[in-house]
């Protein structure tokens, strides 16, 4: 039986509360939901974050697509250089840049009383970033200061694999699901 969006957000809320009460150590988790929910989830997450803040458990929402775009625009000459490459080279360069940026983002300490970081709009980087490689490296880190992070994942999954946006099945995820 598949869960509803309310059940998925309830499970996310329970995880955030466990982190806030220090019943669970900060780590990386994946919130899997059907791709057809993506637009609804993107609309609901700001409301969800507001509710968490009212409960004294603030979360930081990061729109991966928009923030990565800003990162690219801040790099002098990068966009012009990418324009001169063929498609394969562009995807490779975006993949390298996106992977480095995403690892840095996931390792960045949270500000103030923020309980966790929720990465949304993750499909924006799906064609050139291996989320499993990034997630496995970050979650396998021995850094005790690694912040609690949730990767909102529009796809399908079970205990062995995840399939982002039904683009490709990846059986390498070792990151716990919410």
N, C-alpha and C. Protein backbone atom coordinates (compact mmCIF):
# COMPACT_ATOMS: atom_id res chain seq x y z
N UNK A 1 0.84 -1.18 0.00
CA UNK A 1 0.00 0.00 0.00
C UNK A 1 0.88 1.24 0.00
N UNK A 2 0.63 2.14 -0.94
CA UNK A 2 1.40 3.36 -1.03
C UNK A 2 0.88 4.38 -0.02
N UNK A 3 1.78 5.22 0.45
CA UNK A 3 1.37 6.23 1.41
C UNK A 3 0.90 7.50 0.70
N UNK A 4 0.17 8.30 1.43
CA UNK A 4 -0.32 9.57 0.91
C UNK A 4 0.74 10.64 1.14
N UNK A 5 0.55 11.80 0.53
CA UNK A 5 1.46 12.91 0.75
C UNK A 5 1.46 13.31 2.22
N UNK A 6 0.30 13.31 2.85
CA UNK A 6 0.21 13.66 4.27
C UNK A 6 1.02 12.67 5.12
N UNK A 7 0.96 11.39 4.78
CA UNK A 7 1.74 10.39 5.52
C UNK A 7 3.24 10.60 5.30
N UNK A 8 3.63 10.92 4.08
CA UNK A 8 5.05 11.18 3.79
C UNK A 8 5.54 12.39 4.57
N UNK A 9 4.76 13.47 4.57
CA UNK A 9 5.15 14.66 5.33
C UNK A 9 5.11 14.40 6.83
N UNK A 10 4.19 13.55 7.28
CA UNK A 10 4.14 13.16 8.69
C UNK A 10 5.40 12.39 9.09
N UNK A 11 5.87 11.52 8.22
CA UNK A 11 7.10 10.78 8.49
C UNK A 11 8.30 11.73 8.52
N UNK A 12 8.31 12.71 7.62
CA UNK A 12 9.37 13.72 7.61
C UNK A 12 9.32 14.53 8.90
N UNK A 13 8.13 14.91 9.32
CA UNK A 13 7.96 15.68 10.56
C UNK A 13 8.48 14.89 11.76
N UNK A 14 8.18 13.59 11.80
CA UNK A 14 8.65 12.74 12.90
C UNK A 14 10.17 12.67 12.92
N UNK A 15 10.80 12.60 11.74
CA UNK A 15 12.26 12.55 11.67
C UNK A 15 12.86 13.86 12.17
N UNK A 16 12.27 14.98 11.76
CA UNK A 16 12.76 16.29 12.20
C UNK A 16 12.65 16.40 13.72
N UNK A 17 11.54 15.96 14.28
CA UNK A 17 11.35 15.99 15.73
C UNK A 17 12.38 15.11 16.45
N UNK A 18 12.68 13.96 15.87
CA UNK A 18 13.69 13.07 16.47
C UNK A 18 15.06 13.75 16.47
N UNK A 19 15.39 14.45 15.39
CA UNK A 19 16.65 15.20 15.36
C UNK A 19 16.62 16.33 16.39
N UNK A 20 15.50 17.03 16.48
CA UNK A 20 15.39 18.16 17.42
C UNK A 20 15.55 17.71 18.87
N UNK A 21 14.99 16.55 19.20
CA UNK A 21 15.08 16.02 20.57
C UNK A 21 16.37 15.24 20.80
N UNK A 22 17.22 15.19 19.78
CA UNK A 22 18.48 14.45 19.83
C UNK A 22 18.29 12.95 20.06
N UNK A 23 17.14 12.44 19.62
CA UNK A 23 16.89 11.00 19.68
C UNK A 23 17.53 10.29 18.49
N UNK A 24 17.91 11.07 17.49
CA UNK A 24 18.60 10.53 16.31
C UNK A 24 19.75 11.47 15.99
N UNK A 25 20.89 10.90 15.65
CA UNK A 25 22.02 11.77 15.30
C UNK A 25 21.81 12.33 13.90
N UNK A 26 22.28 13.55 13.66
CA UNK A 26 22.11 14.15 12.34
C UNK A 26 22.73 13.27 11.26
N UNK A 27 22.00 13.09 10.19
CA UNK A 27 22.49 12.31 9.07
C UNK A 27 21.75 12.73 7.81
N UNK A 28 21.99 12.03 6.74
CA UNK A 28 21.32 12.27 5.48
C UNK A 28 20.21 11.26 5.31
N UNK A 29 19.03 11.72 4.95
CA UNK A 29 17.87 10.86 4.70
C UNK A 29 17.28 11.21 3.34
N UNK A 30 16.59 10.26 2.75
CA UNK A 30 15.93 10.49 1.46
C UNK A 30 14.42 10.35 1.66
N UNK A 31 13.68 11.38 1.25
CA UNK A 31 12.22 11.35 1.28
C UNK A 31 11.76 11.05 -0.14
N UNK A 32 11.28 9.82 -0.35
CA UNK A 32 10.87 9.38 -1.68
C UNK A 32 9.36 9.58 -1.85
N UNK A 33 8.98 10.13 -2.99
CA UNK A 33 7.57 10.30 -3.32
C UNK A 33 7.41 10.19 -4.83
N UNK A 34 6.20 9.84 -5.30
CA UNK A 34 5.99 9.66 -6.74
C UNK A 34 6.29 10.94 -7.53
N UNK A 35 6.90 10.81 -8.71
CA UNK A 35 7.22 12.00 -9.52
C UNK A 35 6.02 12.89 -9.80
N UNK A 36 4.84 12.29 -9.92
CA UNK A 36 3.65 13.10 -10.22
C UNK A 36 3.27 14.02 -9.06
N UNK A 37 3.85 13.82 -7.90
CA UNK A 37 3.61 14.70 -6.75
C UNK A 37 4.54 15.91 -6.75
N UNK A 38 5.52 15.96 -7.65
CA UNK A 38 6.56 16.98 -7.57
C UNK A 38 6.02 18.39 -7.45
N UNK A 39 5.11 18.79 -8.31
CA UNK A 39 4.57 20.16 -8.25
C UNK A 39 3.88 20.41 -6.91
N UNK A 40 3.12 19.45 -6.44
CA UNK A 40 2.43 19.59 -5.16
C UNK A 40 3.42 19.66 -4.00
N UNK A 41 4.44 18.83 -4.02
CA UNK A 41 5.46 18.84 -2.95
C UNK A 41 6.18 20.18 -2.94
N UNK A 42 6.54 20.70 -4.12
CA UNK A 42 7.22 21.99 -4.18
C UNK A 42 6.35 23.11 -3.61
N UNK A 43 5.04 22.98 -3.75
CA UNK A 43 4.11 23.98 -3.17
C UNK A 43 3.93 23.76 -1.68
N UNK A 44 3.92 22.50 -1.23
CA UNK A 44 3.63 22.17 0.17
C UNK A 44 4.84 22.37 1.10
N UNK A 45 6.04 22.21 0.59
CA UNK A 45 7.21 22.27 1.47
C UNK A 45 7.38 23.63 2.18
N UNK A 46 7.17 24.76 1.52
CA UNK A 46 7.26 26.03 2.27
C UNK A 46 6.24 26.11 3.41
N UNK A 47 5.03 25.65 3.17
CA UNK A 47 4.01 25.60 4.22
C UNK A 47 4.45 24.66 5.34
N UNK A 48 5.01 23.52 4.96
CA UNK A 48 5.52 22.55 5.92
C UNK A 48 6.62 23.18 6.78
N UNK A 49 7.54 23.90 6.13
CA UNK A 49 8.63 24.56 6.85
C UNK A 49 8.10 25.61 7.82
N UNK A 50 7.09 26.36 7.40
CA UNK A 50 6.47 27.34 8.30
C UNK A 50 5.87 26.66 9.52
N UNK A 51 5.21 25.52 9.32
CA UNK A 51 4.62 24.77 10.42
C UNK A 51 5.71 24.28 11.38
N UNK A 52 6.80 23.78 10.82
CA UNK A 52 7.91 23.32 11.67
C UNK A 52 8.46 24.47 12.51
N UNK A 53 8.61 25.63 11.91
CA UNK A 53 9.13 26.80 12.63
C UNK A 53 8.20 27.19 13.76
N UNK A 54 6.89 27.14 13.53
CA UNK A 54 5.93 27.46 14.58
C UNK A 54 6.00 26.47 15.73
N UNK A 55 6.42 25.25 15.45
CA UNK A 55 6.58 24.22 16.48
C UNK A 55 7.95 24.30 17.16
N UNK A 56 8.76 25.30 16.81
CA UNK A 56 10.08 25.47 17.42
C UNK A 56 11.14 24.56 16.82
N UNK A 57 10.88 24.04 15.63
CA UNK A 57 11.83 23.15 14.96
C UNK A 57 12.03 23.63 13.52
N UNK A 58 12.72 24.78 13.37
CA UNK A 58 12.87 25.35 12.03
C UNK A 58 13.73 24.49 11.10
N UNK A 59 13.35 24.51 9.83
CA UNK A 59 14.10 23.81 8.80
C UNK A 59 14.51 24.81 7.73
N UNK A 60 15.56 24.50 7.03
CA UNK A 60 16.04 25.32 5.92
C UNK A 60 15.66 24.62 4.62
N UNK A 61 14.90 25.30 3.78
CA UNK A 61 14.55 24.76 2.46
C UNK A 61 15.53 25.28 1.44
N UNK A 62 16.04 24.39 0.60
CA UNK A 62 16.94 24.79 -0.47
C UNK A 62 16.38 24.27 -1.79
N UNK A 63 16.07 25.18 -2.70
CA UNK A 63 15.65 24.81 -4.04
C UNK A 63 16.93 24.53 -4.83
N UNK A 64 17.25 23.27 -5.00
CA UNK A 64 18.51 22.87 -5.63
C UNK A 64 18.66 23.46 -7.02
N UNK A 65 17.60 23.45 -7.81
CA UNK A 65 17.67 23.98 -9.16
C UNK A 65 18.00 25.46 -9.18
N UNK A 66 17.31 26.24 -8.37
CA UNK A 66 17.53 27.69 -8.35
C UNK A 66 18.90 28.05 -7.76
N UNK A 67 19.28 27.37 -6.69
CA UNK A 67 20.56 27.68 -6.06
C UNK A 67 21.74 27.27 -6.94
N UNK A 68 21.61 26.16 -7.67
CA UNK A 68 22.69 25.76 -8.58
C UNK A 68 22.78 26.75 -9.73
N UNK A 69 21.65 27.23 -10.22
CA UNK A 69 21.67 28.25 -11.27
C UNK A 69 22.41 29.49 -10.79
N UNK A 70 22.13 29.93 -9.56
CA UNK A 70 22.84 31.09 -9.00
C UNK A 70 24.34 30.82 -8.94
N UNK A 71 24.70 29.61 -8.51
CA UNK A 71 26.11 29.23 -8.43
C UNK A 71 26.78 29.35 -9.79
N UNK A 72 26.12 28.86 -10.83
CA UNK A 72 26.68 28.95 -12.17
C UNK A 72 26.82 30.40 -12.63
N UNK A 73 25.82 31.22 -12.35
CA UNK A 73 25.84 32.61 -12.80
C UNK A 73 26.92 33.43 -12.07
N UNK A 74 27.29 33.02 -10.86
CA UNK A 74 28.31 33.74 -10.10
C UNK A 74 29.73 33.40 -10.55
N UNK A 75 29.90 32.37 -11.32
CA UNK A 75 31.22 31.97 -11.80
C UNK A 75 31.53 32.70 -13.09
N UNK A 76 32.47 33.61 -13.04
CA UNK A 76 32.82 34.43 -14.20
C UNK A 76 33.22 33.56 -15.39
N UNK A 77 32.54 33.79 -16.49
CA UNK A 77 32.89 33.13 -17.75
C UNK A 77 32.42 31.69 -17.89
N UNK A 78 31.85 31.10 -16.85
CA UNK A 78 31.47 29.69 -16.93
C UNK A 78 30.37 29.46 -17.97
N UNK A 79 29.35 30.28 -17.94
CA UNK A 79 28.24 30.08 -18.88
C UNK A 79 28.73 30.25 -20.32
N UNK A 80 29.57 31.23 -20.56
CA UNK A 80 30.11 31.44 -21.91
C UNK A 80 30.97 30.25 -22.34
N UNK A 81 31.77 29.72 -21.42
CA UNK A 81 32.60 28.56 -21.73
C UNK A 81 31.74 27.35 -22.05
N UNK A 82 30.68 27.15 -21.28
CA UNK A 82 29.78 26.02 -21.53
C UNK A 82 29.10 26.14 -22.89
N UNK A 83 28.80 27.37 -23.30
CA UNK A 83 28.16 27.58 -24.61
C UNK A 83 29.04 27.09 -25.75
N UNK A 84 30.34 27.05 -25.56
CA UNK A 84 31.26 26.62 -26.62
C UNK A 84 31.48 25.12 -26.67
N UNK A 85 30.88 24.36 -25.77
CA UNK A 85 31.09 22.92 -25.71
C UNK A 85 29.95 22.17 -26.39
N UNK A 86 30.23 20.92 -26.76
CA UNK A 86 29.14 20.10 -27.28
C UNK A 86 28.35 19.52 -26.10
N UNK A 87 27.23 18.88 -26.40
CA UNK A 87 26.31 18.42 -25.36
C UNK A 87 26.97 17.50 -24.34
N UNK A 88 27.77 16.56 -24.81
CA UNK A 88 28.42 15.61 -23.91
C UNK A 88 29.38 16.33 -22.97
N UNK A 89 30.14 17.27 -23.51
CA UNK A 89 31.08 18.03 -22.69
C UNK A 89 30.34 18.91 -21.68
N UNK A 90 29.23 19.49 -22.10
CA UNK A 90 28.44 20.34 -21.20
C UNK A 90 27.93 19.51 -20.03
N UNK A 91 27.33 18.35 -20.33
CA UNK A 91 26.81 17.50 -19.26
C UNK A 91 27.92 17.05 -18.32
N UNK A 92 29.09 16.75 -18.87
CA UNK A 92 30.21 16.35 -18.02
C UNK A 92 30.63 17.49 -17.10
N UNK A 93 30.81 18.69 -17.68
CA UNK A 93 31.22 19.84 -16.87
C UNK A 93 30.16 20.21 -15.84
N UNK A 94 28.90 20.20 -16.24
CA UNK A 94 27.83 20.48 -15.29
C UNK A 94 27.80 19.41 -14.19
N UNK A 95 28.04 18.17 -14.57
CA UNK A 95 28.07 17.08 -13.60
C UNK A 95 29.16 17.27 -12.57
N UNK A 96 30.36 17.61 -13.02
CA UNK A 96 31.47 17.84 -12.09
C UNK A 96 31.18 19.04 -11.19
N UNK A 97 30.75 20.13 -11.79
CA UNK A 97 30.44 21.34 -11.02
C UNK A 97 29.30 21.08 -10.05
N UNK A 98 28.24 20.42 -10.52
CA UNK A 98 27.08 20.15 -9.68
C UNK A 98 27.41 19.21 -8.53
N UNK A 99 28.23 18.22 -8.79
CA UNK A 99 28.60 17.26 -7.74
C UNK A 99 29.39 17.96 -6.63
N UNK A 100 30.36 18.76 -7.01
CA UNK A 100 31.17 19.49 -6.03
C UNK A 100 30.28 20.44 -5.23
N UNK A 101 29.42 21.17 -5.93
CA UNK A 101 28.53 22.12 -5.26
C UNK A 101 27.57 21.42 -4.30
N UNK A 102 27.00 20.30 -4.74
CA UNK A 102 26.03 19.58 -3.91
C UNK A 102 26.69 19.00 -2.66
N UNK A 103 27.90 18.46 -2.79
CA UNK A 103 28.62 17.95 -1.61
C UNK A 103 28.89 19.08 -0.62
N UNK A 104 29.31 20.21 -1.14
CA UNK A 104 29.58 21.36 -0.28
C UNK A 104 28.31 21.80 0.44
N UNK A 105 27.20 21.87 -0.30
CA UNK A 105 25.92 22.26 0.28
C UNK A 105 25.51 21.30 1.40
N UNK A 106 25.63 20.01 1.16
CA UNK A 106 25.21 19.02 2.16
C UNK A 106 26.10 19.04 3.40
N UNK A 107 27.31 19.54 3.27
CA UNK A 107 28.23 19.58 4.41
C UNK A 107 28.23 20.92 5.13
N UNK A 108 27.58 21.92 4.56
CA UNK A 108 27.55 23.25 5.16
C UNK A 108 26.75 23.22 6.45
N UNK A 109 27.34 23.77 7.50
CA UNK A 109 26.66 23.79 8.80
C UNK A 109 25.38 24.59 8.73
N UNK A 110 24.44 24.20 9.56
CA UNK A 110 23.16 24.90 9.65
C UNK A 110 23.32 26.14 10.52
N UNK A 111 22.54 27.15 10.23
CA UNK A 111 22.60 28.40 10.98
C UNK A 111 21.63 28.38 12.16
N UNK A 112 22.03 29.00 13.26
CA UNK A 112 21.16 29.20 14.41
C UNK A 112 20.56 27.92 14.95
N UNK A 113 19.25 27.94 15.15
CA UNK A 113 18.52 26.81 15.74
C UNK A 113 17.93 25.87 14.68
N UNK A 114 18.33 26.04 13.43
CA UNK A 114 17.79 25.21 12.36
C UNK A 114 18.08 23.74 12.62
N UNK A 115 17.05 22.91 12.49
CA UNK A 115 17.16 21.48 12.79
C UNK A 115 17.74 20.70 11.63
N UNK A 116 17.28 21.00 10.42
CA UNK A 116 17.77 20.26 9.25
C UNK A 116 17.61 21.10 7.99
N UNK A 117 18.24 20.61 6.93
CA UNK A 117 18.15 21.22 5.61
C UNK A 117 17.36 20.25 4.73
N UNK A 118 16.37 20.78 4.01
CA UNK A 118 15.58 19.97 3.09
C UNK A 118 15.91 20.44 1.67
N UNK A 119 16.46 19.54 0.88
CA UNK A 119 16.80 19.85 -0.50
C UNK A 119 15.63 19.45 -1.39
N UNK A 120 15.06 20.44 -2.07
CA UNK A 120 13.90 20.20 -2.93
C UNK A 120 14.25 20.57 -4.36
N UNK A 121 13.39 20.20 -5.30
CA UNK A 121 13.61 20.43 -6.73
C UNK A 121 14.90 19.74 -7.17
N UNK A 122 15.13 18.56 -6.62
CA UNK A 122 16.35 17.80 -6.92
C UNK A 122 16.38 17.28 -8.35
N UNK A 123 15.23 17.16 -8.97
CA UNK A 123 15.19 16.70 -10.36
C UNK A 123 15.90 17.63 -11.31
N UNK A 124 16.10 18.89 -10.91
CA UNK A 124 16.75 19.87 -11.77
C UNK A 124 18.18 19.47 -12.14
N UNK A 125 18.84 18.69 -11.30
CA UNK A 125 20.20 18.26 -11.57
C UNK A 125 20.28 16.79 -11.96
N UNK A 126 19.13 16.15 -12.14
CA UNK A 126 19.07 14.70 -12.30
C UNK A 126 19.79 14.17 -13.53
N UNK A 127 19.87 14.95 -14.59
CA UNK A 127 20.48 14.42 -15.81
C UNK A 127 22.00 14.47 -15.80
N UNK A 128 22.59 15.19 -14.85
CA UNK A 128 24.05 15.28 -14.86
C UNK A 128 24.72 15.08 -13.51
N UNK A 129 23.98 14.85 -12.45
CA UNK A 129 24.55 14.60 -11.13
C UNK A 129 24.10 13.22 -10.65
N UNK A 130 25.03 12.44 -10.13
CA UNK A 130 24.69 11.15 -9.54
C UNK A 130 24.37 11.37 -8.06
N UNK A 131 23.09 11.45 -7.76
CA UNK A 131 22.69 11.65 -6.37
C UNK A 131 23.14 10.50 -5.49
N UNK A 132 23.17 9.29 -6.03
CA UNK A 132 23.60 8.16 -5.19
C UNK A 132 25.06 8.30 -4.80
N UNK A 133 25.92 8.72 -5.73
CA UNK A 133 27.34 8.88 -5.41
C UNK A 133 27.53 9.97 -4.36
N UNK A 134 26.85 11.09 -4.54
CA UNK A 134 26.96 12.19 -3.58
C UNK A 134 26.39 11.78 -2.23
N UNK A 135 25.20 11.22 -2.24
CA UNK A 135 24.54 10.83 -0.98
C UNK A 135 25.35 9.78 -0.23
N UNK A 136 25.86 8.79 -0.93
CA UNK A 136 26.63 7.75 -0.26
C UNK A 136 27.93 8.29 0.31
N UNK A 137 28.58 9.20 -0.41
CA UNK A 137 29.83 9.78 0.10
C UNK A 137 29.57 10.65 1.33
N UNK A 138 28.55 11.48 1.25
CA UNK A 138 28.24 12.37 2.37
C UNK A 138 27.76 11.58 3.58
N UNK A 139 26.86 10.62 3.35
CA UNK A 139 26.33 9.86 4.49
C UNK A 139 27.38 8.93 5.08
N UNK A 140 28.36 8.54 4.30
CA UNK A 140 29.43 7.68 4.79
C UNK A 140 30.56 8.44 5.45
N UNK A 141 30.43 9.76 5.52
CA UNK A 141 31.46 10.61 6.11
C UNK A 141 31.60 10.34 7.61
N UNK A 142 32.78 10.53 8.11
CA UNK A 142 33.01 10.38 9.55
C UNK A 142 32.94 11.73 10.27
N UNK A 143 32.57 12.77 9.54
CA UNK A 143 32.48 14.11 10.12
C UNK A 143 31.33 14.16 11.13
N UNK A 144 31.64 14.35 12.43
CA UNK A 144 30.59 14.39 13.44
C UNK A 144 29.71 15.63 13.36
N UNK A 145 30.16 16.65 12.62
CA UNK A 145 29.40 17.89 12.51
C UNK A 145 28.51 17.91 11.26
N UNK A 146 28.39 16.79 10.58
CA UNK A 146 27.56 16.73 9.39
C UNK A 146 26.12 17.10 9.76
N UNK A 147 25.52 18.08 9.06
CA UNK A 147 24.17 18.50 9.43
C UNK A 147 23.10 17.50 8.98
N UNK A 148 21.99 17.53 9.68
CA UNK A 148 20.83 16.72 9.29
C UNK A 148 20.32 17.27 7.96
N UNK A 149 20.17 16.39 6.99
CA UNK A 149 19.78 16.79 5.64
C UNK A 149 18.77 15.80 5.08
N UNK A 150 17.78 16.33 4.39
CA UNK A 150 16.77 15.50 3.73
C UNK A 150 16.83 15.79 2.24
N UNK A 151 16.98 14.76 1.46
CA UNK A 151 16.97 14.86 0.01
C UNK A 151 15.57 14.49 -0.46
N UNK A 152 14.78 15.49 -0.88
CA UNK A 152 13.42 15.23 -1.38
C UNK A 152 13.57 14.63 -2.77
N UNK A 153 13.06 13.44 -2.95
CA UNK A 153 13.37 12.62 -4.11
C UNK A 153 12.12 12.21 -4.88
N UNK A 154 11.83 12.90 -6.00
CA UNK A 154 10.66 12.52 -6.80
C UNK A 154 10.99 11.29 -7.65
N UNK A 155 10.56 10.16 -7.19
CA UNK A 155 10.86 8.93 -7.91
C UNK A 155 10.18 7.75 -7.28
N UNK A 156 10.78 6.61 -7.47
CA UNK A 156 10.27 5.37 -6.89
C UNK A 156 11.42 4.72 -6.16
N UNK A 157 11.10 3.94 -5.16
CA UNK A 157 12.16 3.28 -4.44
C UNK A 157 11.68 2.15 -3.57
N UNK A 158 12.62 1.32 -3.22
CA UNK A 158 12.38 0.27 -2.24
C UNK A 158 13.62 0.22 -1.37
N UNK A 159 13.79 -0.83 -0.60
CA UNK A 159 14.94 -0.91 0.31
C UNK A 159 16.27 -1.07 -0.41
N UNK A 160 16.25 -1.40 -1.69
CA UNK A 160 17.47 -1.66 -2.43
C UNK A 160 17.82 -0.60 -3.45
N UNK A 161 16.84 0.09 -3.98
CA UNK A 161 17.15 0.99 -5.08
C UNK A 161 16.22 2.21 -5.09
N UNK A 162 16.66 3.21 -5.83
CA UNK A 162 15.86 4.40 -6.07
C UNK A 162 15.91 4.71 -7.56
N UNK A 163 14.86 5.30 -8.07
CA UNK A 163 14.75 5.62 -9.48
C UNK A 163 14.26 7.06 -9.57
N UNK A 164 15.18 8.00 -9.76
CA UNK A 164 14.84 9.42 -9.80
C UNK A 164 14.09 9.75 -11.08
N UNK A 165 12.89 10.28 -10.93
CA UNK A 165 12.05 10.71 -12.05
C UNK A 165 11.88 9.64 -13.11
N UNK A 166 12.05 8.40 -12.73
CA UNK A 166 11.95 7.27 -13.65
C UNK A 166 12.96 7.38 -14.79
N UNK A 167 14.08 8.07 -14.55
CA UNK A 167 15.12 8.22 -15.57
C UNK A 167 16.06 7.01 -15.59
N UNK A 168 16.44 6.58 -14.39
CA UNK A 168 17.34 5.44 -14.29
C UNK A 168 17.26 4.85 -12.89
N UNK A 169 17.30 3.55 -12.84
CA UNK A 169 17.29 2.86 -11.56
C UNK A 169 18.72 2.84 -11.03
N UNK A 170 18.86 3.17 -9.77
CA UNK A 170 20.17 3.15 -9.14
C UNK A 170 20.09 2.29 -7.90
N UNK A 171 20.83 1.21 -7.89
CA UNK A 171 20.78 0.26 -6.77
C UNK A 171 21.88 0.54 -5.76
N UNK A 172 22.55 1.66 -5.87
CA UNK A 172 23.70 1.94 -5.00
C UNK A 172 23.39 2.80 -3.78
N UNK A 173 22.14 3.16 -3.55
CA UNK A 173 21.83 4.02 -2.41
C UNK A 173 21.95 3.25 -1.11
N UNK A 174 22.76 3.78 -0.21
CA UNK A 174 22.88 3.20 1.13
C UNK A 174 22.31 4.15 2.17
N UNK A 175 21.58 5.13 1.74
CA UNK A 175 21.05 6.19 2.61
C UNK A 175 19.65 5.80 3.08
N UNK A 176 19.38 5.95 4.39
CA UNK A 176 18.05 5.60 4.90
C UNK A 176 16.94 6.46 4.28
N UNK A 177 15.79 5.85 4.09
CA UNK A 177 14.62 6.55 3.56
C UNK A 177 13.73 7.02 4.71
N UNK A 178 12.96 8.03 4.41
CA UNK A 178 11.94 8.50 5.36
C UNK A 178 10.62 8.01 4.84
